[in-house]
N, C-alpha and C. Protein backbone atom coordinates (compact mmCIF):
# COMPACT_ATOMS: atom_id res chain seq x y z
N UNK A 1 14.95 16.45 33.07
CA UNK A 1 15.91 15.38 33.24
C UNK A 1 16.57 15.11 31.88
N UNK A 2 17.88 15.11 31.83
CA UNK A 2 18.58 14.83 30.59
C UNK A 2 18.73 13.33 30.41
N UNK A 3 18.95 12.87 29.17
CA UNK A 3 19.07 11.43 28.93
C UNK A 3 20.17 10.78 29.77
N UNK A 4 21.26 11.49 30.03
CA UNK A 4 22.34 10.88 30.81
C UNK A 4 21.96 10.70 32.27
N UNK A 5 21.14 11.62 32.77
CA UNK A 5 20.77 11.52 34.17
C UNK A 5 19.47 10.72 34.36
N UNK A 6 18.87 10.27 33.25
CA UNK A 6 17.64 9.47 33.35
C UNK A 6 17.98 8.13 33.99
N UNK A 7 17.04 7.59 34.73
CA UNK A 7 17.26 6.27 35.34
C UNK A 7 17.53 5.23 34.25
N UNK A 8 18.21 4.20 34.64
CA UNK A 8 18.61 3.14 33.72
C UNK A 8 17.40 2.52 33.00
N UNK A 9 16.30 2.32 33.72
CA UNK A 9 15.12 1.72 33.10
C UNK A 9 14.54 2.62 32.02
N UNK A 10 14.61 3.95 32.21
CA UNK A 10 14.13 4.87 31.18
C UNK A 10 15.00 4.80 29.93
N UNK A 11 16.31 4.73 30.11
CA UNK A 11 17.21 4.62 28.96
C UNK A 11 16.99 3.31 28.23
N UNK A 12 16.79 2.24 28.97
CA UNK A 12 16.52 0.93 28.37
C UNK A 12 15.22 0.97 27.59
N UNK A 13 14.22 1.58 28.16
CA UNK A 13 12.92 1.72 27.48
C UNK A 13 13.07 2.56 26.22
N UNK A 14 13.83 3.64 26.29
CA UNK A 14 14.05 4.50 25.12
C UNK A 14 14.76 3.73 24.01
N UNK A 15 15.76 2.92 24.38
CA UNK A 15 16.46 2.11 23.38
C UNK A 15 15.51 1.10 22.73
N UNK A 16 14.64 0.49 23.54
CA UNK A 16 13.69 -0.48 23.02
C UNK A 16 12.71 0.19 22.06
N UNK A 17 12.23 1.37 22.41
CA UNK A 17 11.31 2.10 21.55
C UNK A 17 12.01 2.49 20.25
N UNK A 18 13.24 2.96 20.35
CA UNK A 18 14.01 3.33 19.16
C UNK A 18 14.23 2.12 18.27
N UNK A 19 14.56 0.99 18.85
CA UNK A 19 14.77 -0.23 18.05
C UNK A 19 13.48 -0.66 17.36
N UNK A 20 12.36 -0.58 18.07
CA UNK A 20 11.07 -0.94 17.46
C UNK A 20 10.72 0.02 16.33
N UNK A 21 10.99 1.31 16.54
CA UNK A 21 10.71 2.30 15.50
C UNK A 21 11.56 2.03 14.26
N UNK A 22 12.83 1.74 14.46
CA UNK A 22 13.71 1.44 13.33
C UNK A 22 13.24 0.18 12.59
N UNK A 23 12.85 -0.85 13.32
CA UNK A 23 12.37 -2.09 12.70
C UNK A 23 11.07 -1.83 11.94
N UNK A 24 10.19 -1.03 12.51
CA UNK A 24 8.93 -0.70 11.84
C UNK A 24 9.18 0.11 10.57
N UNK A 25 10.12 1.04 10.63
CA UNK A 25 10.47 1.84 9.46
C UNK A 25 11.03 0.95 8.36
N UNK A 26 11.88 0.00 8.70
CA UNK A 26 12.42 -0.93 7.71
C UNK A 26 11.31 -1.76 7.08
N UNK A 27 10.37 -2.24 7.90
CA UNK A 27 9.25 -3.03 7.37
C UNK A 27 8.38 -2.18 6.45
N UNK A 28 8.11 -0.94 6.84
CA UNK A 28 7.30 -0.05 6.03
C UNK A 28 7.98 0.22 4.69
N UNK A 29 9.28 0.49 4.71
CA UNK A 29 10.02 0.72 3.47
C UNK A 29 9.95 -0.50 2.55
N UNK A 30 10.09 -1.68 3.13
CA UNK A 30 10.02 -2.91 2.33
C UNK A 30 8.62 -3.10 1.75
N UNK A 31 7.60 -2.84 2.56
CA UNK A 31 6.22 -2.98 2.08
C UNK A 31 5.90 -1.99 0.97
N UNK A 32 6.38 -0.76 1.11
CA UNK A 32 6.15 0.24 0.07
C UNK A 32 6.82 -0.17 -1.23
N UNK A 33 8.02 -0.71 -1.14
CA UNK A 33 8.71 -1.19 -2.34
C UNK A 33 7.95 -2.34 -2.99
N UNK A 34 7.47 -3.24 -2.19
CA UNK A 34 6.69 -4.38 -2.70
C UNK A 34 5.40 -3.90 -3.33
N UNK A 35 4.74 -2.91 -2.74
CA UNK A 35 3.51 -2.37 -3.30
C UNK A 35 3.78 -1.75 -4.67
N UNK A 36 4.84 -0.96 -4.81
CA UNK A 36 5.19 -0.36 -6.11
C UNK A 36 5.45 -1.45 -7.14
N UNK A 37 6.15 -2.50 -6.74
CA UNK A 37 6.44 -3.62 -7.63
C UNK A 37 5.14 -4.27 -8.10
N UNK A 38 4.23 -4.52 -7.19
CA UNK A 38 2.94 -5.14 -7.55
C UNK A 38 2.11 -4.23 -8.44
N UNK A 39 2.11 -2.93 -8.17
CA UNK A 39 1.36 -2.00 -9.02
C UNK A 39 1.89 -2.01 -10.44
N UNK A 40 3.21 -2.03 -10.60
CA UNK A 40 3.80 -2.10 -11.95
C UNK A 40 3.45 -3.41 -12.63
N UNK A 41 3.47 -4.50 -11.87
CA UNK A 41 3.15 -5.81 -12.44
C UNK A 41 1.70 -5.88 -12.88
N UNK A 42 0.79 -5.39 -12.06
CA UNK A 42 -0.64 -5.40 -12.41
C UNK A 42 -0.87 -4.54 -13.66
N UNK A 43 -0.24 -3.38 -13.74
CA UNK A 43 -0.40 -2.53 -14.92
C UNK A 43 0.11 -3.23 -16.17
N UNK A 44 1.22 -3.94 -16.07
CA UNK A 44 1.77 -4.66 -17.22
C UNK A 44 0.87 -5.82 -17.64
N UNK A 45 0.34 -6.55 -16.68
CA UNK A 45 -0.57 -7.66 -16.98
C UNK A 45 -1.83 -7.10 -17.65
N UNK A 46 -2.34 -6.00 -17.14
CA UNK A 46 -3.53 -5.38 -17.74
C UNK A 46 -3.26 -4.98 -19.19
N UNK A 47 -2.11 -4.36 -19.44
CA UNK A 47 -1.76 -3.98 -20.82
C UNK A 47 -1.72 -5.20 -21.73
N UNK A 48 -1.11 -6.27 -21.25
CA UNK A 48 -1.02 -7.51 -22.04
C UNK A 48 -2.41 -8.06 -22.34
N UNK A 49 -3.36 -7.86 -21.45
CA UNK A 49 -4.72 -8.37 -21.61
C UNK A 49 -5.62 -7.38 -22.35
N UNK A 50 -5.07 -6.22 -22.74
CA UNK A 50 -5.86 -5.22 -23.44
C UNK A 50 -6.76 -4.41 -22.54
N UNK A 51 -6.40 -4.31 -21.28
CA UNK A 51 -7.16 -3.54 -20.29
C UNK A 51 -6.34 -2.36 -19.80
N UNK A 52 -7.03 -1.46 -19.14
CA UNK A 52 -6.37 -0.40 -18.38
C UNK A 52 -6.85 -0.49 -16.95
N UNK A 53 -5.99 -0.15 -16.02
CA UNK A 53 -6.38 -0.10 -14.62
C UNK A 53 -6.87 1.31 -14.33
N UNK A 54 -8.09 1.40 -13.82
CA UNK A 54 -8.68 2.70 -13.53
C UNK A 54 -8.50 3.10 -12.08
N UNK A 55 -9.40 3.92 -11.63
CA UNK A 55 -9.37 4.43 -10.26
C UNK A 55 -10.00 3.41 -9.30
N UNK A 56 -9.86 3.64 -8.00
CA UNK A 56 -10.55 2.76 -7.06
C UNK A 56 -12.07 2.80 -7.31
N UNK A 57 -12.72 1.68 -7.11
CA UNK A 57 -14.17 1.59 -7.30
C UNK A 57 -14.86 2.52 -6.30
N UNK A 58 -15.75 3.35 -6.82
CA UNK A 58 -16.47 4.29 -5.95
C UNK A 58 -17.60 3.61 -5.19
N UNK A 59 -17.97 2.42 -5.63
CA UNK A 59 -19.05 1.71 -4.95
C UNK A 59 -18.52 0.90 -3.76
N UNK A 60 -17.50 0.06 -3.99
CA UNK A 60 -17.04 -0.82 -2.90
C UNK A 60 -15.69 -0.42 -2.31
N UNK A 61 -14.87 0.30 -3.08
CA UNK A 61 -13.53 0.75 -2.65
C UNK A 61 -12.62 -0.42 -2.24
N UNK A 62 -12.89 -1.62 -2.76
CA UNK A 62 -12.06 -2.78 -2.43
C UNK A 62 -11.15 -3.17 -3.58
N UNK A 63 -11.32 -2.53 -4.74
CA UNK A 63 -10.52 -2.86 -5.91
C UNK A 63 -10.45 -1.63 -6.81
N UNK A 64 -9.46 -1.63 -7.68
CA UNK A 64 -9.43 -0.63 -8.74
C UNK A 64 -10.33 -1.13 -9.86
N UNK A 65 -10.88 -0.19 -10.61
CA UNK A 65 -11.70 -0.58 -11.74
C UNK A 65 -10.81 -0.97 -12.91
N UNK A 66 -11.38 -1.71 -13.83
CA UNK A 66 -10.71 -2.08 -15.06
C UNK A 66 -11.48 -1.44 -16.21
N UNK A 67 -10.76 -1.04 -17.26
CA UNK A 67 -11.37 -0.35 -18.39
C UNK A 67 -11.04 -1.12 -19.65
N UNK A 68 -12.10 -1.43 -20.43
CA UNK A 68 -11.91 -2.12 -21.70
C UNK A 68 -13.10 -1.82 -22.61
N UNK A 69 -12.80 -1.45 -23.82
CA UNK A 69 -13.82 -1.21 -24.85
C UNK A 69 -14.94 -0.29 -24.37
N UNK A 70 -14.57 0.81 -23.73
CA UNK A 70 -15.55 1.78 -23.31
C UNK A 70 -16.37 1.38 -22.09
N UNK A 71 -15.98 0.32 -21.42
CA UNK A 71 -16.69 -0.15 -20.24
C UNK A 71 -15.76 -0.10 -19.04
N UNK A 72 -16.23 0.48 -17.96
CA UNK A 72 -15.49 0.51 -16.70
C UNK A 72 -16.18 -0.47 -15.77
N UNK A 73 -15.42 -1.38 -15.20
CA UNK A 73 -16.06 -2.33 -14.28
C UNK A 73 -15.13 -2.68 -13.14
N UNK A 74 -15.79 -3.08 -12.04
CA UNK A 74 -15.06 -3.47 -10.84
C UNK A 74 -15.06 -4.99 -10.75
N UNK A 75 -13.90 -5.60 -10.72
CA UNK A 75 -13.85 -7.05 -10.63
C UNK A 75 -14.25 -7.59 -9.26
N UNK A 76 -14.32 -6.71 -8.27
CA UNK A 76 -14.66 -7.13 -6.91
C UNK A 76 -16.18 -7.18 -6.69
N UNK A 77 -16.85 -6.07 -6.99
CA UNK A 77 -18.29 -6.01 -6.71
C UNK A 77 -19.16 -6.15 -7.94
N UNK A 78 -18.55 -6.11 -9.14
CA UNK A 78 -19.31 -6.28 -10.36
C UNK A 78 -19.94 -5.01 -10.91
N UNK A 79 -19.70 -3.88 -10.26
CA UNK A 79 -20.25 -2.60 -10.74
C UNK A 79 -19.72 -2.33 -12.14
N UNK A 80 -20.62 -1.89 -13.05
CA UNK A 80 -20.24 -1.57 -14.43
C UNK A 80 -20.88 -0.27 -14.86
N UNK A 81 -20.16 0.45 -15.73
CA UNK A 81 -20.74 1.64 -16.37
C UNK A 81 -19.98 1.89 -17.67
N UNK A 82 -20.64 2.55 -18.59
CA UNK A 82 -19.99 2.87 -19.85
C UNK A 82 -19.32 4.23 -19.74
N UNK A 83 -18.32 4.42 -20.56
CA UNK A 83 -17.61 5.71 -20.58
C UNK A 83 -18.35 6.72 -21.41
């Protein structure tokens, strides 16, 4: 069945799905932009505080680790180790 010969309800449903997909894509694009902005801001704040932002915590995976003076620590779970 081609789109032109599809029943009206199918075409309406297809338009609704397309509109939802476009809206979701716009939201995702906005969220990705906001995430990049926050990542840059966190990195700048860390630099100002004399810290570096490390990798995600391997113990809890709920936060990135912070690095300062040879110590890596997770601000979420408190895990610490020396470099």
